[in-house]
Amino acid sequence: MNEKSQQLTNRIAVLRAERKMTQKELAEKADVSRQTILSIENKKYSPSLVLAFKIAKALNVDINMVFQYKEESN
């Protein structure tokens, strides 16, 4: 049986830096806590689809610019 590992990666920290935006500022725009943004950036938490769209909107980019999904065979 071929097992696949799944990983959701993101570019939140890079996009924030380009916009000179803090985690707190992004969190406020996305209506979540700073800790939530930190956890997503560090891949400790995968956001819901709605939250992913809110983050992309807060960064003023398409969701595909923020999040990437990868599936790799083991």
C-alpha atoms as a PDB file:
ATOM      1  CA  MET A   1       0.000   0.000   0.000  1.00  0.00           C
ATOM      2  CA  ASN A   2       1.365   3.409  -0.992  1.00  0.00           C
ATOM      3  CA  GLU A   3       1.142   5.880   1.880  1.00  0.00           C
ATOM      4  CA  LYS A   4       1.132   9.596   1.170  1.00  0.00           C
ATOM      5  CA  SER A   5       2.160  12.382   3.468  1.00  0.00           C
ATOM      6  CA  GLN A   6       0.127  15.545   3.259  1.00  0.00           C
ATOM      7  CA  GLN A   7       1.384  18.969   4.109  1.00  0.00           C
ATOM      8  CA  LEU A   8      -0.126  22.430   4.027  1.00  0.00           C
ATOM      9  CA  THR A   9       2.579  25.067   3.711  1.00  0.00           C
ATOM     10  CA  ASN A  10       2.177  28.816   3.854  1.00  0.00           C
ATOM     11  CA  ARG A  11       3.969  32.057   3.067  1.00  0.00           C
ATOM     12  CA  ILE A  12       2.290  34.194   5.731  1.00  0.00           C
ATOM     13  CA  ALA A  13       5.512  35.389   7.377  1.00  0.00           C
ATOM     14  CA  VAL A  14       7.034  36.382   4.016  1.00  0.00           C
ATOM     15  CA  LEU A  15       3.902  38.185   2.868  1.00  0.00           C
ATOM     16  CA  ARG A  16       3.585  39.965   6.216  1.00  0.00           C
ATOM     17  CA  ALA A  17       7.207  41.112   6.037  1.00  0.00           C
ATOM     18  CA  GLU A  18       6.731  42.449   2.512  1.00  0.00           C
ATOM     19  CA  ARG A  19       3.825  44.523   3.828  1.00  0.00           C
ATOM     20  CA  LYS A  20       5.581  45.503   7.070  1.00  0.00           C
ATOM     21  CA  MET A  21       2.659  43.946   8.941  1.00  0.00           C
ATOM     22  CA  THR A  22       2.914  42.408  12.407  1.00  0.00           C
ATOM     23  CA  GLN A  23       1.256  39.170  13.461  1.00  0.00           C
ATOM     24  CA  LYS A  24      -1.042  41.256  15.651  1.00  0.00           C
ATOM     25  CA  GLU A  25      -2.099  43.480  12.739  1.00  0.00           C
ATOM     26  CA  LEU A  26      -2.815  40.481  10.531  1.00  0.00           C
ATOM     27  CA  ALA A  27      -4.705  38.767  13.345  1.00  0.00           C
ATOM     28  CA  GLU A  28      -6.899  41.827  13.831  1.00  0.00           C
ATOM     29  CA  LYS A  29      -7.694  42.011  10.106  1.00  0.00           C
ATOM     30  CA  ALA A  30      -8.500  38.275   9.989  1.00  0.00           C
ATOM     31  CA  ASP A  31     -10.457  38.452  13.269  1.00  0.00           C
ATOM     32  CA  VAL A  32      -8.344  35.877  15.133  1.00  0.00           C
ATOM     33  CA  SER A  33      -5.727  35.960  17.887  1.00  0.00           C
ATOM     34  CA  ARG A  34      -2.041  36.639  17.289  1.00  0.00           C
ATOM     35  CA  GLN A  35      -1.379  33.143  18.671  1.00  0.00           C
ATOM     36  CA  THR A  36      -3.516  31.655  15.885  1.00  0.00           C
ATOM     37  CA  ILE A  37      -1.438  33.439  13.236  1.00  0.00           C
ATOM     38  CA  LEU A  38       1.764  32.282  14.953  1.00  0.00           C
ATOM     39  CA  SER A  39       0.538  28.666  15.060  1.00  0.00           C
ATOM     40  CA  ILE A  40      -0.405  28.720  11.374  1.00  0.00           C
ATOM     41  CA  GLU A  41       2.941  30.283  10.377  1.00  0.00           C
ATOM     42  CA  ASN A  42       4.778  27.567  12.321  1.00  0.00           C
ATOM     43  CA  LYS A  43       2.634  24.793  10.772  1.00  0.00           C
ATOM     44  CA  LYS A  44       1.308  23.740  14.173  1.00  0.00           C
ATOM     45  CA  TYR A  45      -2.278  24.480  13.113  1.00  0.00           C
ATOM     46  CA  SER A  46      -4.060  24.192   9.774  1.00  0.00           C
ATOM     47  CA  PRO A  47      -6.653  26.909   9.283  1.00  0.00           C
ATOM     48  CA  SER A  48     -10.197  26.280   8.161  1.00  0.00           C
ATOM     49  CA  LEU A  49     -10.952  27.184   4.574  1.00  0.00           C
ATOM     50  CA  VAL A  50     -12.861  30.262   5.720  1.00  0.00           C
ATOM     51  CA  LEU A  51      -9.929  31.435   7.857  1.00  0.00           C
ATOM     52  CA  ALA A  52      -7.493  30.784   4.997  1.00  0.00           C
ATOM     53  CA  PHE A  53      -9.569  33.058   2.776  1.00  0.00           C
ATOM     54  CA  LYS A  54      -9.742  35.720   5.523  1.00  0.00           C
ATOM     55  CA  ILE A  55      -5.955  35.680   5.871  1.00  0.00           C
ATOM     56  CA  ALA A  56      -5.475  35.967   2.106  1.00  0.00           C
ATOM     57  CA  LYS A  57      -7.937  38.852   1.973  1.00  0.00           C
ATOM     58  CA  ALA A  58      -6.191  40.599   4.885  1.00  0.00           C
ATOM     59  CA  LEU A  59      -2.901  40.268   2.975  1.00  0.00           C
ATOM     60  CA  ASN A  60      -4.644  41.436  -0.208  1.00  0.00           C
ATOM     61  CA  VAL A  61      -3.536  38.414  -2.255  1.00  0.00           C
ATOM     62  CA  ASP A  62      -5.082  35.311  -3.799  1.00  0.00           C
ATOM     63  CA  ILE A  63      -5.318  32.344  -1.444  1.00  0.00           C
ATOM     64  CA  ASN A  64      -2.909  30.405  -3.703  1.00  0.00           C
ATOM     65  CA  MET A  65      -0.239  33.010  -2.940  1.00  0.00           C
ATOM     66  CA  VAL A  66      -0.550  32.226   0.776  1.00  0.00           C
ATOM     67  CA  PHE A  67      -1.201  28.490   1.060  1.00  0.00           C
ATOM     68  CA  GLN A  68       0.097  25.494  -0.856  1.00  0.00           C
ATOM     69  CA  TYR A  69      -0.964  21.886  -0.416  1.00  0.00           C
ATOM     70  CA  LYS A  70       1.518  19.142  -1.155  1.00  0.00           C
ATOM     71  CA  GLU A  71       0.966  15.400  -1.223  1.00  0.00           C
ATOM     72  CA  GLU A  72       4.048  13.206  -1.427  1.00  0.00           C
ATOM     73  CA  SER A  73       4.408   9.432  -1.663  1.00  0.00           C
ATOM     74  CA  ASN A  74       6.422   7.755   1.083  1.00  0.00           C
END
